[in-house]
């Protein structure tokens, strides 16, 4: 029987909650790349592995609180929060790297969905670095406008305008327009 990654992650997180910490390896195999990208995007490449390590410690500690609904969302929020805590503890400004990792495709996708994901990746690649940054924070890291503003020491209204501008440009690119 074929089991998709979400189902596998659900099982693995539940097993970790039941004390089977060796199941952390399976979580890493399935979601480690995405988790590392989130960590690198917030804390920087040089600290990403440290953040990922701390995240796995938190997975082991808090797996019992997992609600068994969205394993990727739960893991990415945990990594995001760990990375933000790491940055705050270093009393550094939370900056998202200029080299963002938008890994949107999956082998589990149908060919049509894979094509759509690749088209979106290409459109994002054409955005300016600051536009990529707000799209990455909002949609990939699932940060609110308030969180983005706080992490980057900007006003909420400035971030909201930047998000809206980036979304308009991305929509235009996806609709076949130019990137002006």
N, C-alpha and C. Protein backbone atom coordinates (compact mmCIF):
# COMPACT_ATOMS: atom_id res chain seq x y z
N UNK A 1 0.85 -1.18 0.00
CA UNK A 1 0.00 0.00 0.00
C UNK A 1 0.89 1.25 0.00
N UNK A 2 0.59 2.18 -0.89
CA UNK A 2 1.35 3.41 -1.01
C UNK A 2 0.91 4.40 0.07
N UNK A 3 1.87 5.00 0.69
CA UNK A 3 1.57 5.95 1.76
C UNK A 3 2.25 7.28 1.41
N UNK A 4 1.50 8.37 1.35
CA UNK A 4 2.12 9.65 0.99
C UNK A 4 2.92 10.20 2.17
N UNK A 5 3.70 11.23 1.87
CA UNK A 5 4.59 11.79 2.88
C UNK A 5 3.85 12.33 4.10
N UNK A 6 2.69 12.96 3.89
CA UNK A 6 1.93 13.48 5.04
C UNK A 6 1.51 12.37 5.98
N UNK A 7 1.04 11.27 5.41
CA UNK A 7 0.64 10.14 6.25
C UNK A 7 1.84 9.56 7.00
N UNK A 8 2.98 9.46 6.29
CA UNK A 8 4.19 8.96 6.94
C UNK A 8 4.61 9.89 8.08
N UNK A 9 4.59 11.19 7.80
CA UNK A 9 4.97 12.15 8.85
C UNK A 9 4.03 12.07 10.04
N UNK A 10 2.74 11.95 9.78
CA UNK A 10 1.77 11.79 10.89
C UNK A 10 2.17 10.61 11.76
N UNK A 11 2.42 9.46 11.11
CA UNK A 11 2.78 8.25 11.86
C UNK A 11 4.07 8.45 12.64
N UNK A 12 5.06 9.08 12.01
CA UNK A 12 6.36 9.26 12.65
C UNK A 12 6.28 10.21 13.85
N UNK A 13 5.55 11.30 13.70
CA UNK A 13 5.42 12.25 14.81
C UNK A 13 4.68 11.60 15.98
N UNK A 14 3.64 10.84 15.67
CA UNK A 14 2.90 10.12 16.72
C UNK A 14 3.81 9.10 17.40
N UNK A 15 4.65 8.42 16.63
CA UNK A 15 5.58 7.45 17.21
C UNK A 15 6.59 8.15 18.13
N UNK A 16 7.07 9.32 17.71
CA UNK A 16 7.99 10.09 18.56
C UNK A 16 7.28 10.46 19.87
N UNK A 17 6.02 10.88 19.76
CA UNK A 17 5.25 11.22 20.96
C UNK A 17 5.11 10.02 21.89
N UNK A 18 5.07 8.82 21.30
CA UNK A 18 4.97 7.60 22.10
C UNK A 18 6.32 7.11 22.63
N UNK A 19 7.37 7.89 22.37
CA UNK A 19 8.68 7.56 22.92
C UNK A 19 9.66 6.94 21.94
N UNK A 20 9.27 6.75 20.71
CA UNK A 20 10.16 6.14 19.71
C UNK A 20 10.97 7.23 19.01
N UNK A 21 11.99 7.72 19.71
CA UNK A 21 12.78 8.84 19.19
C UNK A 21 13.59 8.47 17.95
N UNK A 22 13.80 7.18 17.71
CA UNK A 22 14.51 6.79 16.50
C UNK A 22 13.70 7.14 15.24
N UNK A 23 12.42 7.44 15.40
CA UNK A 23 11.59 7.85 14.27
C UNK A 23 11.92 9.26 13.79
N UNK A 24 12.73 10.00 14.56
CA UNK A 24 13.18 11.32 14.12
C UNK A 24 13.95 11.22 12.82
N UNK A 25 14.67 10.10 12.61
CA UNK A 25 15.40 9.91 11.36
C UNK A 25 14.45 9.91 10.16
N UNK A 26 13.31 9.28 10.31
CA UNK A 26 12.32 9.25 9.23
C UNK A 26 11.76 10.63 8.94
N UNK A 27 11.54 11.41 9.99
CA UNK A 27 11.06 12.78 9.81
C UNK A 27 12.10 13.57 9.03
N UNK A 28 13.36 13.39 9.40
CA UNK A 28 14.44 14.10 8.71
C UNK A 28 14.50 13.70 7.23
N UNK A 29 14.37 12.41 6.95
CA UNK A 29 14.42 11.94 5.56
C UNK A 29 13.33 12.59 4.70
N UNK A 30 12.15 12.73 5.26
CA UNK A 30 11.01 13.25 4.49
C UNK A 30 11.02 14.77 4.43
N UNK A 31 11.23 15.43 5.55
CA UNK A 31 11.04 16.88 5.62
C UNK A 31 12.31 17.67 5.93
N UNK A 32 13.43 17.00 6.11
CA UNK A 32 14.66 17.67 6.51
C UNK A 32 15.10 18.78 5.57
N UNK A 33 14.99 18.56 4.26
CA UNK A 33 15.40 19.58 3.30
C UNK A 33 14.59 20.85 3.42
N UNK A 34 13.29 20.70 3.53
CA UNK A 34 12.42 21.87 3.68
C UNK A 34 12.67 22.56 5.01
N UNK A 35 12.87 21.77 6.04
CA UNK A 35 13.12 22.34 7.36
C UNK A 35 14.43 23.12 7.36
N UNK A 36 15.45 22.59 6.71
CA UNK A 36 16.74 23.27 6.62
C UNK A 36 16.60 24.58 5.84
N UNK A 37 15.80 24.56 4.78
CA UNK A 37 15.58 25.78 3.99
C UNK A 37 14.90 26.86 4.84
N UNK A 38 13.93 26.48 5.65
CA UNK A 38 13.27 27.45 6.53
C UNK A 38 14.27 28.01 7.53
N UNK A 39 15.05 27.13 8.12
CA UNK A 39 16.06 27.57 9.10
C UNK A 39 17.07 28.51 8.46
N UNK A 40 17.53 28.17 7.26
CA UNK A 40 18.52 29.01 6.56
C UNK A 40 17.91 30.34 6.17
N UNK A 41 16.66 30.34 5.78
CA UNK A 41 16.00 31.57 5.37
C UNK A 41 15.87 32.59 6.49
N UNK A 42 15.75 32.11 7.71
CA UNK A 42 15.58 33.02 8.85
C UNK A 42 16.90 33.29 9.56
N UNK A 43 17.62 32.23 9.89
CA UNK A 43 18.82 32.38 10.71
C UNK A 43 20.10 32.53 9.89
N UNK A 44 20.02 32.22 8.59
CA UNK A 44 21.20 32.26 7.74
C UNK A 44 21.79 30.87 7.60
N UNK A 45 22.48 30.67 6.48
CA UNK A 45 23.05 29.35 6.19
C UNK A 45 24.01 28.87 7.27
N UNK A 46 24.78 29.82 7.81
CA UNK A 46 25.80 29.42 8.78
C UNK A 46 25.21 28.87 10.07
N UNK A 47 23.95 29.19 10.37
CA UNK A 47 23.32 28.73 11.60
C UNK A 47 22.20 27.72 11.35
N UNK A 48 21.92 27.42 10.10
CA UNK A 48 20.77 26.58 9.77
C UNK A 48 20.84 25.20 10.41
N UNK A 49 21.99 24.59 10.40
CA UNK A 49 22.10 23.25 10.99
C UNK A 49 21.90 23.28 12.49
N UNK A 50 22.37 24.35 13.14
CA UNK A 50 22.15 24.48 14.59
C UNK A 50 20.65 24.62 14.88
N UNK A 51 19.98 25.43 14.08
CA UNK A 51 18.53 25.61 14.26
C UNK A 51 17.80 24.30 14.00
N UNK A 52 18.22 23.58 12.96
CA UNK A 52 17.58 22.30 12.66
C UNK A 52 17.77 21.31 13.81
N UNK A 53 18.96 21.28 14.37
CA UNK A 53 19.24 20.41 15.52
C UNK A 53 18.32 20.77 16.69
N UNK A 54 18.25 22.05 17.01
CA UNK A 54 17.36 22.50 18.09
C UNK A 54 15.91 22.16 17.78
N UNK A 55 15.53 22.23 16.51
CA UNK A 55 14.15 21.91 16.11
C UNK A 55 13.84 20.44 16.37
N UNK A 56 14.78 19.57 16.08
CA UNK A 56 14.54 18.15 16.33
C UNK A 56 14.45 17.84 17.83
N UNK A 57 15.18 18.58 18.62
CA UNK A 57 15.05 18.42 20.08
C UNK A 57 13.63 18.83 20.49
N UNK A 58 13.14 19.93 19.91
CA UNK A 58 11.77 20.38 20.24
C UNK A 58 10.72 19.40 19.71
N UNK A 59 10.97 18.79 18.56
CA UNK A 59 10.03 17.79 18.05
C UNK A 59 9.91 16.66 19.08
N UNK A 60 11.04 16.20 19.57
CA UNK A 60 11.03 15.12 20.57
C UNK A 60 10.31 15.55 21.85
N UNK A 61 10.52 16.81 22.25
CA UNK A 61 9.90 17.31 23.48
C UNK A 61 8.41 17.56 23.35
N UNK A 62 7.98 18.04 22.17
CA UNK A 62 6.60 18.51 22.03
C UNK A 62 5.74 17.68 21.09
N UNK A 63 6.22 16.54 20.66
CA UNK A 63 5.44 15.70 19.75
C UNK A 63 4.09 15.32 20.35
N UNK A 64 4.03 15.23 21.66
CA UNK A 64 2.76 14.88 22.32
C UNK A 64 1.70 15.97 22.13
N UNK A 65 2.10 17.17 21.74
CA UNK A 65 1.15 18.26 21.52
C UNK A 65 0.67 18.33 20.07
N UNK A 66 1.24 17.51 19.21
CA UNK A 66 0.86 17.51 17.80
C UNK A 66 -0.59 17.05 17.65
N UNK A 67 -1.36 17.78 16.82
CA UNK A 67 -2.80 17.51 16.70
C UNK A 67 -3.16 16.56 15.56
N UNK A 68 -2.19 16.02 14.86
CA UNK A 68 -2.41 15.01 13.82
C UNK A 68 -3.21 15.52 12.64
N UNK A 69 -2.97 16.76 12.25
CA UNK A 69 -3.73 17.30 11.12
C UNK A 69 -2.85 17.70 9.95
N UNK A 70 -1.82 18.48 10.18
CA UNK A 70 -0.99 19.00 9.10
C UNK A 70 0.48 18.88 9.53
N UNK A 71 1.11 17.75 9.25
CA UNK A 71 2.47 17.56 9.75
C UNK A 71 3.48 18.55 9.19
N UNK A 72 3.40 18.87 7.88
CA UNK A 72 4.33 19.84 7.32
C UNK A 72 4.16 21.21 7.98
N UNK A 73 2.92 21.64 8.12
CA UNK A 73 2.66 22.93 8.76
C UNK A 73 3.19 22.98 10.18
N UNK A 74 2.96 21.90 10.94
CA UNK A 74 3.43 21.84 12.32
C UNK A 74 4.95 21.89 12.38
N UNK A 75 5.60 21.09 11.53
CA UNK A 75 7.07 21.06 11.53
C UNK A 75 7.65 22.40 11.10
N UNK A 76 7.09 23.01 10.05
CA UNK A 76 7.65 24.27 9.56
C UNK A 76 7.43 25.41 10.56
N UNK A 77 6.28 25.41 11.25
CA UNK A 77 6.05 26.42 12.31
C UNK A 77 7.05 26.22 13.43
N UNK A 78 7.30 24.97 13.80
CA UNK A 78 8.25 24.68 14.86
C UNK A 78 9.65 25.17 14.47
N UNK A 79 10.07 24.89 13.23
CA UNK A 79 11.39 25.34 12.76
C UNK A 79 11.42 26.87 12.70
N UNK A 80 10.35 27.47 12.17
CA UNK A 80 10.30 28.94 12.09
C UNK A 80 10.44 29.56 13.47
N UNK A 81 9.69 29.06 14.42
CA UNK A 81 9.75 29.62 15.77
C UNK A 81 11.11 29.37 16.42
N UNK A 82 11.68 28.21 16.17
CA UNK A 82 13.02 27.91 16.70
C UNK A 82 14.05 28.86 16.10
N UNK A 83 13.95 29.09 14.79
CA UNK A 83 14.89 30.00 14.12
C UNK A 83 14.73 31.43 14.63
N UNK A 84 13.49 31.87 14.80
CA UNK A 84 13.28 33.23 15.32
C UNK A 84 13.79 33.35 16.75
N UNK A 85 13.58 32.33 17.56
CA UNK A 85 14.12 32.33 18.93
C UNK A 85 15.64 32.38 18.90
N UNK A 86 16.23 31.63 17.99
CA UNK A 86 17.69 31.61 17.85
C UNK A 86 18.21 32.99 17.50
N UNK A 87 17.56 33.63 16.53
CA UNK A 87 17.99 34.96 16.11
C UNK A 87 17.82 35.96 17.25
N UNK A 88 16.69 35.91 17.93
CA UNK A 88 16.46 36.81 19.05
C UNK A 88 17.49 36.59 20.16
N UNK A 89 17.82 35.34 20.41
CA UNK A 89 18.78 35.05 21.49
C UNK A 89 20.16 35.59 21.14
N UNK A 90 20.46 35.73 19.88
CA UNK A 90 21.73 36.29 19.45
C UNK A 90 21.66 37.82 19.37
N UNK A 91 20.49 38.35 19.72
CA UNK A 91 20.25 39.80 19.66
C UNK A 91 20.59 40.35 18.29
N UNK A 92 20.30 39.54 17.29
CA UNK A 92 20.54 39.96 15.91
C UNK A 92 19.20 40.26 15.26
N UNK A 93 19.24 41.00 14.22
CA UNK A 93 18.05 41.29 13.45
C UNK A 93 17.72 40.09 12.58
N UNK A 94 16.45 39.67 12.62
CA UNK A 94 16.05 38.49 11.84
C UNK A 94 15.98 38.86 10.37
N UNK A 95 16.97 38.43 9.64
CA UNK A 95 17.02 38.71 8.20
C UNK A 95 16.82 37.41 7.45
N UNK A 96 16.04 37.45 6.42
CA UNK A 96 15.88 36.30 5.55
C UNK A 96 16.95 36.40 4.49
N UNK A 97 17.61 35.31 4.24
CA UNK A 97 18.70 35.27 3.27
C UNK A 97 18.23 35.73 1.89
N UNK A 98 19.15 36.35 1.14
CA UNK A 98 18.84 36.75 -0.24
C UNK A 98 18.69 35.53 -1.15
N UNK A 99 19.32 34.42 -0.77
CA UNK A 99 19.23 33.20 -1.56
C UNK A 99 18.15 32.31 -0.96
N UNK A 100 16.91 32.58 -1.32
CA UNK A 100 15.79 31.85 -0.75
C UNK A 100 15.57 30.55 -1.50
N UNK A 101 15.07 29.56 -0.79
CA UNK A 101 14.84 28.25 -1.37
C UNK A 101 13.34 28.02 -1.53
N UNK A 102 12.87 28.16 -2.74
CA UNK A 102 11.45 27.93 -3.02
C UNK A 102 11.32 26.55 -3.66
N UNK A 103 11.30 25.54 -2.85
CA UNK A 103 11.16 24.17 -3.33
C UNK A 103 9.67 23.83 -3.27
N UNK A 104 8.98 24.01 -4.37
CA UNK A 104 7.53 23.87 -4.36
C UNK A 104 7.05 22.58 -5.01
N UNK A 105 7.93 21.86 -5.69
CA UNK A 105 7.50 20.66 -6.40
C UNK A 105 7.71 19.42 -5.55
N UNK A 106 6.98 18.39 -5.90
CA UNK A 106 7.09 17.11 -5.22
C UNK A 106 6.83 16.01 -6.23
N UNK A 107 7.50 14.89 -6.07
CA UNK A 107 7.27 13.76 -6.96
C UNK A 107 5.87 13.18 -6.78
N UNK A 108 5.24 13.48 -5.66
CA UNK A 108 3.88 12.99 -5.40
C UNK A 108 2.84 13.75 -6.21
N UNK A 109 3.20 14.89 -6.77
CA UNK A 109 2.25 15.71 -7.51
C UNK A 109 1.92 15.08 -8.85
N UNK A 110 0.72 15.36 -9.32
CA UNK A 110 0.36 14.96 -10.68
C UNK A 110 1.19 15.80 -11.64
N UNK A 111 1.33 15.37 -12.89
CA UNK A 111 2.12 16.17 -13.85
C UNK A 111 1.61 17.61 -13.98
N UNK A 112 0.28 17.80 -13.94
CA UNK A 112 -0.28 19.15 -14.05
C UNK A 112 0.10 20.00 -12.85
N UNK A 113 -0.01 19.42 -11.66
CA UNK A 113 0.33 20.18 -10.45
C UNK A 113 1.82 20.47 -10.40
N UNK A 114 2.64 19.53 -10.87
CA UNK A 114 4.09 19.74 -10.91
C UNK A 114 4.42 20.89 -11.86
N UNK A 115 3.74 20.93 -13.02
CA UNK A 115 3.95 22.02 -13.98
C UNK A 115 3.57 23.37 -13.37
N UNK A 116 2.45 23.40 -12.65
CA UNK A 116 2.02 24.64 -12.00
C UNK A 116 3.03 25.09 -10.95
N UNK A 117 3.55 24.13 -10.18
CA UNK A 117 4.53 24.47 -9.16
C UNK A 117 5.82 25.01 -9.79
N UNK A 118 6.24 24.40 -10.89
CA UNK A 118 7.44 24.89 -11.60
C UNK A 118 7.22 26.28 -12.17
N UNK A 119 6.03 26.52 -12.68
CA UNK A 119 5.70 27.85 -13.21
C UNK A 119 5.76 28.89 -12.10
N UNK A 120 5.24 28.54 -10.94
CA UNK A 120 5.29 29.44 -9.79
C UNK A 120 6.73 29.68 -9.36
N UNK A 121 7.56 28.63 -9.31
CA UNK A 121 8.97 28.79 -8.95
C UNK A 121 9.67 29.75 -9.92
N UNK A 122 9.39 29.60 -11.21
CA UNK A 122 10.01 30.48 -12.21
C UNK A 122 9.55 31.93 -12.03
N UNK A 123 8.28 32.12 -11.74
CA UNK A 123 7.76 33.48 -11.53
C UNK A 123 8.41 34.11 -10.29
N UNK A 124 8.53 33.34 -9.23
CA UNK A 124 9.15 33.85 -8.01
C UNK A 124 10.61 34.21 -8.28
N UNK A 125 11.29 33.43 -9.09
CA UNK A 125 12.69 33.71 -9.41
C UNK A 125 12.86 35.06 -10.10
N UNK A 126 11.82 35.55 -10.77
CA UNK A 126 11.89 36.83 -11.47
C UNK A 126 11.59 38.03 -10.57
N UNK A 127 11.19 37.78 -9.34
CA UNK A 127 10.92 38.88 -8.40
C UNK A 127 12.23 39.48 -7.90
N UNK A 128 12.15 40.71 -7.44
CA UNK A 128 13.29 41.38 -6.81
C UNK A 128 13.54 40.72 -5.45
N UNK A 129 14.76 40.81 -4.92
CA UNK A 129 15.07 40.17 -3.63
C UNK A 129 14.11 40.55 -2.49
N UNK A 130 13.75 41.83 -2.38
CA UNK A 130 12.84 42.23 -1.29
C UNK A 130 11.44 41.67 -1.51
N UNK A 131 11.03 41.51 -2.77
CA UNK A 131 9.72 40.93 -3.07
C UNK A 131 9.73 39.43 -2.74
N UNK A 132 10.82 38.76 -3.11
CA UNK A 132 10.95 37.34 -2.78
C UNK A 132 10.88 37.14 -1.26
N UNK A 133 11.53 38.05 -0.56
CA UNK A 133 11.62 37.94 0.89
C UNK A 133 10.23 37.97 1.54
N UNK A 134 9.39 38.92 1.14
CA UNK A 134 8.07 39.00 1.78
C UNK A 134 7.18 37.83 1.36
N UNK A 135 7.29 37.40 0.10
CA UNK A 135 6.51 36.23 -0.35
C UNK A 135 6.97 34.99 0.42
N UNK A 136 8.27 34.83 0.57
CA UNK A 136 8.84 33.70 1.29
C UNK A 136 8.35 33.68 2.74
N UNK A 137 8.45 34.82 3.39
CA UNK A 137 8.02 34.90 4.79
C UNK A 137 6.54 34.61 4.95
N UNK A 138 5.74 35.22 4.08
CA UNK A 138 4.29 35.10 4.24
C UNK A 138 3.78 33.70 3.86
N UNK A 139 4.23 33.17 2.75
CA UNK A 139 3.64 31.93 2.26
C UNK A 139 4.46 30.68 2.58
N UNK A 140 5.76 30.78 2.57
CA UNK A 140 6.57 29.60 2.82
C UNK A 140 6.78 29.39 4.32
N UNK A 141 7.00 30.49 5.05
CA UNK A 141 7.20 30.40 6.49
C UNK A 141 5.91 30.59 7.27
N UNK A 142 4.85 30.97 6.56
CA UNK A 142 3.54 31.17 7.18
C UNK A 142 3.58 32.23 8.28
N UNK A 143 4.34 33.31 8.01
CA UNK A 143 4.44 34.41 8.97
C UNK A 143 3.34 35.42 8.68
N UNK A 144 2.83 36.03 9.71
CA UNK A 144 1.85 37.10 9.55
C UNK A 144 2.59 38.39 9.18
N UNK A 145 1.85 39.37 8.69
CA UNK A 145 2.45 40.66 8.37
C UNK A 145 3.09 41.25 9.63
N UNK A 146 2.44 41.10 10.75
CA UNK A 146 2.96 41.60 12.02
C UNK A 146 4.30 40.92 12.37
N UNK A 147 4.38 39.60 12.17
CA UNK A 147 5.62 38.88 12.46
C UNK A 147 6.75 39.31 11.52
N UNK A 148 6.42 39.48 10.24
CA UNK A 148 7.43 39.93 9.27
C UNK A 148 7.94 41.31 9.66
N UNK A 149 7.02 42.18 10.02
CA UNK A 149 7.40 43.54 10.41
C UNK A 149 8.30 43.52 11.64
N UNK A 150 7.94 42.73 12.64
CA UNK A 150 8.73 42.66 13.87
C UNK A 150 10.12 42.07 13.59
N UNK A 151 10.16 41.02 12.79
CA UNK A 151 11.44 40.36 12.51
C UNK A 151 12.39 41.26 11.74
N UNK A 152 11.84 42.17 10.93
CA UNK A 152 12.68 43.03 10.09
C UNK A 152 12.70 44.49 10.54
N UNK A 153 12.13 44.73 11.71
CA UNK A 153 12.10 46.08 12.30
C UNK A 153 11.55 47.11 11.30
N UNK A 154 10.39 46.78 10.74
CA UNK A 154 9.68 47.67 9.83
C UNK A 154 8.28 47.89 10.38
N UNK A 155 7.62 48.91 9.84
CA UNK A 155 6.24 49.12 10.27
C UNK A 155 5.34 48.08 9.60
N UNK A 156 4.27 47.78 10.27
CA UNK A 156 3.31 46.80 9.74
C UNK A 156 2.75 47.29 8.41
N UNK A 157 2.44 48.58 8.30
CA UNK A 157 1.87 49.11 7.05
C UNK A 157 2.88 49.04 5.91
N UNK A 158 4.16 49.25 6.18
CA UNK A 158 5.18 49.15 5.13
C UNK A 158 5.28 47.71 4.63
N UNK A 159 5.22 46.77 5.54
CA UNK A 159 5.28 45.36 5.15
C UNK A 159 4.02 44.98 4.38
N UNK A 160 2.87 45.46 4.82
CA UNK A 160 1.61 45.15 4.13
C UNK A 160 1.66 45.65 2.69
N UNK A 161 2.16 46.88 2.49
CA UNK A 161 2.28 47.42 1.14
C UNK A 161 3.26 46.59 0.30
N UNK A 162 4.36 46.18 0.91
CA UNK A 162 5.35 45.37 0.19
C UNK A 162 4.77 44.02 -0.22
N UNK A 163 4.00 43.41 0.67
CA UNK A 163 3.36 42.13 0.36
C UNK A 163 2.37 42.31 -0.80
N UNK A 164 1.54 43.32 -0.71
CA UNK A 164 0.55 43.56 -1.77
C UNK A 164 1.23 43.83 -3.11
N UNK A 165 2.29 44.61 -3.10
CA UNK A 165 3.04 44.91 -4.33
C UNK A 165 3.65 43.63 -4.91
N UNK A 166 4.25 42.81 -4.07
CA UNK A 166 4.86 41.56 -4.53
C UNK A 166 3.81 40.59 -5.05
N UNK A 167 2.66 40.52 -4.39
CA UNK A 167 1.58 39.64 -4.84
C UNK A 167 1.05 40.08 -6.20
N UNK A 168 0.88 41.40 -6.39
CA UNK A 168 0.42 41.91 -7.69
C UNK A 168 1.42 41.55 -8.79
N UNK A 169 2.68 41.75 -8.51
CA UNK A 169 3.71 41.46 -9.50
C UNK A 169 3.74 39.96 -9.81
N UNK A 170 3.64 39.14 -8.80
CA UNK A 170 3.64 37.69 -9.00
C UNK A 170 2.42 37.25 -9.81
N UNK A 171 1.27 37.81 -9.50
CA UNK A 171 0.05 37.49 -10.26
C UNK A 171 0.23 37.89 -11.72
N UNK A 172 0.79 39.06 -11.95
CA UNK A 172 1.03 39.54 -13.32
C UNK A 172 1.98 38.58 -14.06
N UNK A 173 3.02 38.14 -13.40
CA UNK A 173 3.97 37.20 -14.00
C UNK A 173 3.29 35.87 -14.33
N UNK A 174 2.44 35.40 -13.44
CA UNK A 174 1.76 34.14 -13.67
C UNK A 174 0.70 34.24 -14.77
N UNK A 175 0.16 35.45 -14.94
CA UNK A 175 -0.84 35.67 -15.99
C UNK A 175 -0.19 35.93 -17.35
N UNK A 176 1.15 35.82 -17.38
CA UNK A 176 1.84 35.99 -18.66
C UNK A 176 2.32 37.40 -18.92
N UNK A 177 2.20 38.28 -17.93
CA UNK A 177 2.64 39.66 -18.09
C UNK A 177 4.14 39.78 -17.92
N UNK A 178 4.61 40.99 -18.04
CA UNK A 178 6.03 41.26 -17.79
C UNK A 178 6.22 41.55 -16.32
N UNK A 179 7.45 41.69 -15.90
CA UNK A 179 7.69 41.94 -14.48
C UNK A 179 7.92 43.41 -14.18
N UNK A 180 7.10 44.31 -14.77
CA UNK A 180 7.25 45.74 -14.46
C UNK A 180 6.31 46.18 -13.39
